[in-house]
Amino acid sequence: MARSRKPVNPAAENALDRMKFEVASELGIAERVRQSGWNTMTSADCGRVGGHMVRRMIEQYESSLAGTSATTASTGTTTASTGTMTAKNDINS
């Protein structure tokens, strides 16, 4: 089956683009993206951005499962301290 470049939820496309640029800013490559566009970025840079986006989405999902917020209201930044499963909370141990 061929891969589709369409998002599963088209309504989320703008939010994902904002997150992608926010992560690029955190990694210090946002200015190059602004000047040259995503097509000229190296695969390593794009992979770094994608990896950070996935980590952030997982943190947000885990936080929603735990009933806490992964995003602080004042800054809009994601915190890594919420929603992380530890060995003492693991149902398999």
C-alpha atoms as a PDB file:
ATOM      1  CA  MET A   1       0.000   0.000   0.000  1.00  0.00           C
ATOM      2  CA  ALA A   2       1.368   3.414  -0.933  1.00  0.00           C
ATOM      3  CA  ARG A   3       2.039   5.971   1.776  1.00  0.00           C
ATOM      4  CA  SER A   4      -0.142   9.041   1.790  1.00  0.00           C
ATOM      5  CA  ARG A   5       1.223  12.439   2.680  1.00  0.00           C
ATOM      6  CA  LYS A   6      -2.215  13.592   3.786  1.00  0.00           C
ATOM      7  CA  PRO A   7      -2.732  13.944   7.532  1.00  0.00           C
ATOM      8  CA  VAL A   8      -5.154  11.515   9.147  1.00  0.00           C
ATOM      9  CA  ASN A   9      -7.048  14.491  10.534  1.00  0.00           C
ATOM     10  CA  PRO A  10      -6.870  17.431   8.077  1.00  0.00           C
ATOM     11  CA  ALA A  11      -8.042  19.811  10.815  1.00  0.00           C
ATOM     12  CA  ALA A  12      -4.788  19.118  12.704  1.00  0.00           C
ATOM     13  CA  GLU A  13      -2.506  20.111   9.825  1.00  0.00           C
ATOM     14  CA  ASN A  14      -2.081  23.741  10.950  1.00  0.00           C
ATOM     15  CA  ALA A  15      -1.384  22.698  14.539  1.00  0.00           C
ATOM     16  CA  LEU A  16       1.235  20.196  13.382  1.00  0.00           C
ATOM     17  CA  ASP A  17       2.901  22.840  11.218  1.00  0.00           C
ATOM     18  CA  ARG A  18       3.028  25.209  14.205  1.00  0.00           C
ATOM     19  CA  MET A  19       4.514  22.458  16.370  1.00  0.00           C
ATOM     20  CA  LYS A  20       7.079  21.633  13.682  1.00  0.00           C
ATOM     21  CA  PHE A  21       8.237  25.247  13.500  1.00  0.00           C
ATOM     22  CA  GLU A  22       8.253  25.560  17.312  1.00  0.00           C
ATOM     23  CA  VAL A  23      10.512  22.499  17.580  1.00  0.00           C
ATOM     24  CA  ALA A  24      12.745  23.880  14.815  1.00  0.00           C
ATOM     25  CA  SER A  25      13.058  27.078  16.851  1.00  0.00           C
ATOM     26  CA  GLU A  26      14.050  25.099  19.946  1.00  0.00           C
ATOM     27  CA  LEU A  27      16.689  23.256  17.915  1.00  0.00           C
ATOM     28  CA  GLY A  28      18.042  26.508  16.470  1.00  0.00           C
ATOM     29  CA  ILE A  29      17.247  25.816  12.819  1.00  0.00           C
ATOM     30  CA  ALA A  30      14.116  27.950  12.440  1.00  0.00           C
ATOM     31  CA  GLU A  31      15.924  30.807  10.693  1.00  0.00           C
ATOM     32  CA  ARG A  32      17.319  28.456   8.031  1.00  0.00           C
ATOM     33  CA  VAL A  33      13.818  27.026   7.528  1.00  0.00           C
ATOM     34  CA  ARG A  34      12.395  30.534   7.182  1.00  0.00           C
ATOM     35  CA  GLN A  35      15.025  31.514   4.616  1.00  0.00           C
ATOM     36  CA  SER A  36      15.278  28.322   2.570  1.00  0.00           C
ATOM     37  CA  GLY A  37      12.211  26.227   3.359  1.00  0.00           C
ATOM     38  CA  TRP A  38      11.892  22.629   4.514  1.00  0.00           C
ATOM     39  CA  ASN A  39      12.881  21.206   1.120  1.00  0.00           C
ATOM     40  CA  THR A  40      16.470  22.371   1.539  1.00  0.00           C
ATOM     41  CA  MET A  41      16.945  21.002   5.067  1.00  0.00           C
ATOM     42  CA  THR A  42      19.081  17.910   5.623  1.00  0.00           C
ATOM     43  CA  SER A  43      17.390  14.629   6.424  1.00  0.00           C
ATOM     44  CA  ALA A  44      19.168  14.660   9.799  1.00  0.00           C
ATOM     45  CA  ASP A  45      17.617  18.025  10.707  1.00  0.00           C
ATOM     46  CA  CYS A  46      14.179  16.915   9.540  1.00  0.00           C
ATOM     47  CA  GLY A  47      14.550  13.672  11.491  1.00  0.00           C
ATOM     48  CA  ARG A  48      15.524  15.588  14.617  1.00  0.00           C
ATOM     49  CA  VAL A  49      12.454  17.802  14.301  1.00  0.00           C
ATOM     50  CA  GLY A  50      10.198  14.791  13.694  1.00  0.00           C
ATOM     51  CA  GLY A  51      11.660  12.905  16.639  1.00  0.00           C
ATOM     52  CA  HIS A  52      11.099  15.809  19.005  1.00  0.00           C
ATOM     53  CA  MET A  53       7.542  16.216  17.709  1.00  0.00           C
ATOM     54  CA  VAL A  54       6.794  12.546  18.378  1.00  0.00           C
ATOM     55  CA  ARG A  55       8.266  12.776  21.889  1.00  0.00           C
ATOM     56  CA  ARG A  56       6.132  15.826  22.613  1.00  0.00           C
ATOM     57  CA  MET A  57       2.974  14.163  21.290  1.00  0.00           C
ATOM     58  CA  ILE A  58       3.639  11.061  23.400  1.00  0.00           C
ATOM     59  CA  GLU A  59       4.153  13.230  26.503  1.00  0.00           C
ATOM     60  CA  GLN A  60       0.903  15.055  25.817  1.00  0.00           C
ATOM     61  CA  TYR A  61      -1.002  11.806  25.311  1.00  0.00           C
ATOM     62  CA  GLU A  62       0.434  10.211  28.455  1.00  0.00           C
ATOM     63  CA  SER A  63      -0.484  13.329  30.403  1.00  0.00           C
ATOM     64  CA  SER A  64      -4.036  13.213  29.077  1.00  0.00           C
ATOM     65  CA  LEU A  65      -4.286   9.579  30.206  1.00  0.00           C
ATOM     66  CA  ALA A  66      -3.029  10.549  33.652  1.00  0.00           C
ATOM     67  CA  GLY A  67      -5.469  13.469  33.808  1.00  0.00           C
ATOM     68  CA  THR A  68      -2.755  16.122  33.972  1.00  0.00           C
ATOM     69  CA  SER A  69      -1.728  18.801  31.533  1.00  0.00           C
ATOM     70  CA  ALA A  70       1.598  18.492  29.688  1.00  0.00           C
ATOM     71  CA  THR A  71       1.477  22.138  28.669  1.00  0.00           C
ATOM     72  CA  THR A  72       1.833  24.987  31.098  1.00  0.00           C
ATOM     73  CA  ALA A  73      -0.764  27.688  30.607  1.00  0.00           C
ATOM     74  CA  SER A  74       1.599  30.635  30.930  1.00  0.00           C
ATOM     75  CA  THR A  75       4.426  29.567  28.621  1.00  0.00           C
ATOM     76  CA  GLY A  76       2.914  26.933  26.351  1.00  0.00           C
ATOM     77  CA  THR A  77       5.961  24.694  26.777  1.00  0.00           C
ATOM     78  CA  THR A  78       5.742  20.977  27.324  1.00  0.00           C
ATOM     79  CA  THR A  79       7.001  19.507  30.552  1.00  0.00           C
ATOM     80  CA  ALA A  80       8.657  16.109  30.576  1.00  0.00           C
ATOM     81  CA  SER A  81       7.936  15.394  34.245  1.00  0.00           C
ATOM     82  CA  THR A  82       4.257  14.465  33.896  1.00  0.00           C
ATOM     83  CA  GLY A  83       2.727  11.272  32.652  1.00  0.00           C
ATOM     84  CA  THR A  84       5.891   9.197  32.510  1.00  0.00           C
ATOM     85  CA  MET A  85       5.484   5.592  33.569  1.00  0.00           C
ATOM     86  CA  THR A  86       8.016   4.316  36.065  1.00  0.00           C
ATOM     87  CA  ALA A  87       8.810   0.786  37.159  1.00  0.00           C
ATOM     88  CA  LYS A  88       6.863   1.136  40.403  1.00  0.00           C
ATOM     89  CA  ASN A  89       3.743   2.101  38.410  1.00  0.00           C
ATOM     90  CA  ASP A  90       4.172  -0.637  35.802  1.00  0.00           C
ATOM     91  CA  ILE A  91       1.259  -3.080  35.893  1.00  0.00           C
ATOM     92  CA  ASN A  92       3.520  -5.911  34.740  1.00  0.00           C
ATOM     93  CA  SER A  93       5.838  -5.837  37.740  1.00  0.00           C
END
